[in-house]
């Protein structure tokens, strides 16, 4: 009973830790992007005040989508083959009592397929604007 409680608490703490870490990383990224946009705005205002023509770029957010698309593609393939490998490993090493254990590998495989679909859709239909 105590060991089950420990592992449940450990698992919950693990999930909370990663949720906090990911939230913090996203906050830092958003803060950095906001600072970049503010600096770009300040630079453009100064250029307009001095009568200098402005370049036709869109700022630091121009190349975000290709990086995200390639990351989704790489993670998609990784999770897909991880799921297939786990399914095969569980299926080949399963006992008669636990014959449905192989299905645990389907979870990362489906996540990988979802990321691959995202990558395909982002290539097929680029963002507007």
C-alpha atoms as a PDB file:
ATOM      1  CA  UNK A   1       0.000   0.000   0.000  1.00  0.00           C
ATOM      2  CA  UNK A   2       2.761   2.466   0.900  1.00  0.00           C
ATOM      3  CA  UNK A   3       4.789   1.602  -2.168  1.00  0.00           C
ATOM      4  CA  UNK A   4       1.783   2.211  -4.444  1.00  0.00           C
ATOM      5  CA  UNK A   5       1.192   5.576  -2.793  1.00  0.00           C
ATOM      6  CA  UNK A   6       4.849   6.485  -3.228  1.00  0.00           C
ATOM      7  CA  UNK A   7       4.818   5.672  -6.933  1.00  0.00           C
ATOM      8  CA  UNK A   8       1.543   7.540  -7.453  1.00  0.00           C
ATOM      9  CA  UNK A   9       2.972  10.572  -5.651  1.00  0.00           C
ATOM     10  CA  UNK A  10       6.224  10.282  -7.583  1.00  0.00           C
ATOM     11  CA  UNK A  11       4.364  10.086 -10.900  1.00  0.00           C
ATOM     12  CA  UNK A  12       2.202  13.077 -10.029  1.00  0.00           C
ATOM     13  CA  UNK A  13       5.243  15.065  -8.943  1.00  0.00           C
ATOM     14  CA  UNK A  14       7.020  14.148 -12.163  1.00  0.00           C
ATOM     15  CA  UNK A  15       4.106  15.437 -14.248  1.00  0.00           C
ATOM     16  CA  UNK A  16       3.825  18.641 -12.205  1.00  0.00           C
ATOM     17  CA  UNK A  17       7.583  19.229 -12.471  1.00  0.00           C
ATOM     18  CA  UNK A  18       7.544  18.947 -16.262  1.00  0.00           C
ATOM     19  CA  UNK A  19       4.423  21.101 -16.550  1.00  0.00           C
ATOM     20  CA  UNK A  20       6.106  23.856 -14.523  1.00  0.00           C
ATOM     21  CA  UNK A  21       9.330  23.533 -16.509  1.00  0.00           C
ATOM     22  CA  UNK A  22       7.549  23.735 -19.862  1.00  0.00           C
ATOM     23  CA  UNK A  23       5.426  26.681 -18.702  1.00  0.00           C
ATOM     24  CA  UNK A  24       8.539  28.520 -17.529  1.00  0.00           C
ATOM     25  CA  UNK A  25      10.320  27.866 -20.840  1.00  0.00           C
ATOM     26  CA  UNK A  26       7.325  29.175 -22.790  1.00  0.00           C
ATOM     27  CA  UNK A  27       7.201  32.265 -20.583  1.00  0.00           C
ATOM     28  CA  UNK A  28      10.888  32.951 -21.221  1.00  0.00           C
ATOM     29  CA  UNK A  29      10.417  32.492 -24.959  1.00  0.00           C
ATOM     30  CA  UNK A  30       7.404  34.810 -25.028  1.00  0.00           C
ATOM     31  CA  UNK A  31       9.285  37.432 -22.995  1.00  0.00           C
ATOM     32  CA  UNK A  32      12.240  37.266 -25.378  1.00  0.00           C
ATOM     33  CA  UNK A  33       9.991  37.605 -28.432  1.00  0.00           C
ATOM     34  CA  UNK A  34       8.206  40.562 -26.836  1.00  0.00           C
ATOM     35  CA  UNK A  35      11.552  42.280 -26.193  1.00  0.00           C
ATOM     36  CA  UNK A  36      12.611  41.661 -29.803  1.00  0.00           C
ATOM     37  CA  UNK A  37       9.351  43.126 -31.080  1.00  0.00           C
ATOM     38  CA  UNK A  38       9.709  46.180 -28.818  1.00  0.00           C
ATOM     39  CA  UNK A  39      13.248  46.793 -30.045  1.00  0.00           C
ATOM     40  CA  UNK A  40      12.124  46.430 -33.651  1.00  0.00           C
ATOM     41  CA  UNK A  41       9.272  48.865 -33.046  1.00  0.00           C
ATOM     42  CA  UNK A  42      11.571  51.398 -31.400  1.00  0.00           C
ATOM     43  CA  UNK A  43      14.024  51.106 -34.291  1.00  0.00           C
ATOM     44  CA  UNK A  44      11.264  51.607 -36.864  1.00  0.00           C
ATOM     45  CA  UNK A  45       9.875  54.644 -35.030  1.00  0.00           C
ATOM     46  CA  UNK A  46      13.327  56.237 -34.932  1.00  0.00           C
ATOM     47  CA  UNK A  47      13.794  55.526 -38.639  1.00  0.00           C
ATOM     48  CA  UNK A  48      10.428  57.123 -39.452  1.00  0.00           C
ATOM     49  CA  UNK A  49      11.279  60.205 -37.383  1.00  0.00           C
ATOM     50  CA  UNK A  50      14.561  60.631 -39.245  1.00  0.00           C
ATOM     51  CA  UNK A  51      12.938  60.075 -42.659  1.00  0.00           C
ATOM     52  CA  UNK A  52      14.766  56.843 -43.459  1.00  0.00           C
ATOM     53  CA  UNK A  53      12.864  54.365 -45.634  1.00  0.00           C
ATOM     54  CA  UNK A  54      11.811  51.203 -43.863  1.00  0.00           C
ATOM     55  CA  UNK A  55      12.776  47.714 -45.024  1.00  0.00           C
ATOM     56  CA  UNK A  56       9.932  45.406 -46.001  1.00  0.00           C
ATOM     57  CA  UNK A  57      10.673  42.654 -43.485  1.00  0.00           C
ATOM     58  CA  UNK A  58       8.266  41.395 -40.884  1.00  0.00           C
ATOM     59  CA  UNK A  59      10.646  41.180 -37.984  1.00  0.00           C
ATOM     60  CA  UNK A  60      11.965  38.290 -35.920  1.00  0.00           C
ATOM     61  CA  UNK A  61       8.807  36.166 -36.328  1.00  0.00           C
ATOM     62  CA  UNK A  62       9.363  35.612 -40.055  1.00  0.00           C
ATOM     63  CA  UNK A  63      11.018  32.190 -39.858  1.00  0.00           C
ATOM     64  CA  UNK A  64       9.205  30.626 -36.912  1.00  0.00           C
ATOM     65  CA  UNK A  65       6.935  28.329 -38.930  1.00  0.00           C
ATOM     66  CA  UNK A  66       9.674  26.404 -40.834  1.00  0.00           C
ATOM     67  CA  UNK A  67      11.551  25.699 -37.603  1.00  0.00           C
ATOM     68  CA  UNK A  68       8.380  24.478 -35.908  1.00  0.00           C
ATOM     69  CA  UNK A  69       7.482  22.403 -38.954  1.00  0.00           C
ATOM     70  CA  UNK A  70      10.860  20.655 -39.056  1.00  0.00           C
ATOM     71  CA  UNK A  71      10.715  20.041 -35.295  1.00  0.00           C
ATOM     72  CA  UNK A  72       7.258  18.497 -35.669  1.00  0.00           C
ATOM     73  CA  UNK A  73       8.540  16.320 -38.502  1.00  0.00           C
ATOM     74  CA  UNK A  74      11.531  15.091 -36.502  1.00  0.00           C
ATOM     75  CA  UNK A  75       9.524  14.454 -33.333  1.00  0.00           C
ATOM     76  CA  UNK A  76       6.791  12.790 -35.373  1.00  0.00           C
ATOM     77  CA  UNK A  77       9.175  10.269 -36.853  1.00  0.00           C
ATOM     78  CA  UNK A  78      10.838   9.711 -33.492  1.00  0.00           C
ATOM     79  CA  UNK A  79       7.559   9.029 -31.697  1.00  0.00           C
ATOM     80  CA  UNK A  80       6.183   6.927 -34.537  1.00  0.00           C
ATOM     81  CA  UNK A  81       9.124   4.558 -34.589  1.00  0.00           C
ATOM     82  CA  UNK A  82       9.374   4.583 -30.795  1.00  0.00           C
ATOM     83  CA  UNK A  83       5.751   3.464 -30.634  1.00  0.00           C
ATOM     84  CA  UNK A  84       6.235   0.791 -33.257  1.00  0.00           C
ATOM     85  CA  UNK A  85       9.348  -0.458 -31.466  1.00  0.00           C
ATOM     86  CA  UNK A  86       7.592  -0.553 -28.098  1.00  0.00           C
ATOM     87  CA  UNK A  87       4.632  -2.381 -29.592  1.00  0.00           C
ATOM     88  CA  UNK A  88       6.893  -4.989 -31.147  1.00  0.00           C
ATOM     89  CA  UNK A  89       8.966  -5.362 -27.977  1.00  0.00           C
ATOM     90  CA  UNK A  90       5.903  -5.790 -25.771  1.00  0.00           C
ATOM     91  CA  UNK A  91       4.276  -8.160 -28.258  1.00  0.00           C
ATOM     92  CA  UNK A  92       7.336 -10.383 -28.623  1.00  0.00           C
ATOM     93  CA  UNK A  93       8.108 -10.537 -24.903  1.00  0.00           C
ATOM     94  CA  UNK A  94       4.557 -10.757 -23.557  1.00  0.00           C
ATOM     95  CA  UNK A  95       3.393 -13.666 -21.466  1.00  0.00           C
ATOM     96  CA  UNK A  96       0.102 -15.441 -21.934  1.00  0.00           C
ATOM     97  CA  UNK A  97      -1.383 -13.562 -18.943  1.00  0.00           C
ATOM     98  CA  UNK A  98      -0.427 -10.079 -20.138  1.00  0.00           C
ATOM     99  CA  UNK A  99      -1.008 -10.414 -23.858  1.00  0.00           C
ATOM    100  CA  UNK A 100      -2.505  -6.941 -24.292  1.00  0.00           C
ATOM    101  CA  UNK A 101       0.591  -5.115 -23.087  1.00  0.00           C
ATOM    102  CA  UNK A 102       1.793  -4.500 -26.646  1.00  0.00           C
ATOM    103  CA  UNK A 103      -0.903  -1.867 -27.092  1.00  0.00           C
ATOM    104  CA  UNK A 104       1.047   0.555 -24.849  1.00  0.00           C
ATOM    105  CA  UNK A 105       3.320   1.245 -27.821  1.00  0.00           C
ATOM    106  CA  UNK A 106       0.364   2.561 -29.807  1.00  0.00           C
ATOM    107  CA  UNK A 107       0.233   5.721 -27.641  1.00  0.00           C
ATOM    108  CA  UNK A 108       3.557   7.247 -28.807  1.00  0.00           C
ATOM    109  CA  UNK A 109       2.914   5.913 -32.321  1.00  0.00           C
ATOM    110  CA  UNK A 110      -0.361   7.842 -32.510  1.00  0.00           C
ATOM    111  CA  UNK A 111       1.367  10.966 -31.146  1.00  0.00           C
ATOM    112  CA  UNK A 112       4.013  10.549 -33.840  1.00  0.00           C
ATOM    113  CA  UNK A 113       1.367  10.184 -36.529  1.00  0.00           C
ATOM    114  CA  UNK A 114      -0.316  13.334 -35.232  1.00  0.00           C
ATOM    115  CA  UNK A 115       2.943  15.287 -35.444  1.00  0.00           C
ATOM    116  CA  UNK A 116       3.614  13.952 -38.927  1.00  0.00           C
ATOM    117  CA  UNK A 117       0.133  15.045 -39.997  1.00  0.00           C
ATOM    118  CA  UNK A 118       0.800  18.490 -38.512  1.00  0.00           C
ATOM    119  CA  UNK A 119       4.044  18.698 -40.460  1.00  0.00           C
ATOM    120  CA  UNK A 120       2.313  17.641 -43.669  1.00  0.00           C
ATOM    121  CA  UNK A 121      -0.536  20.111 -43.207  1.00  0.00           C
ATOM    122  CA  UNK A 122       1.857  22.973 -42.433  1.00  0.00           C
ATOM    123  CA  UNK A 123       3.763  22.205 -45.648  1.00  0.00           C
ATOM    124  CA  UNK A 124       0.610  21.874 -47.721  1.00  0.00           C
ATOM    125  CA  UNK A 125      -1.207  24.906 -46.343  1.00  0.00           C
ATOM    126  CA  UNK A 126       1.251  27.649 -45.316  1.00  0.00           C
ATOM    127  CA  UNK A 127       0.008  30.273 -42.844  1.00  0.00           C
ATOM    128  CA  UNK A 128      -1.695  33.290 -44.319  1.00  0.00           C
ATOM    129  CA  UNK A 129      -0.379  36.736 -43.473  1.00  0.00           C
END
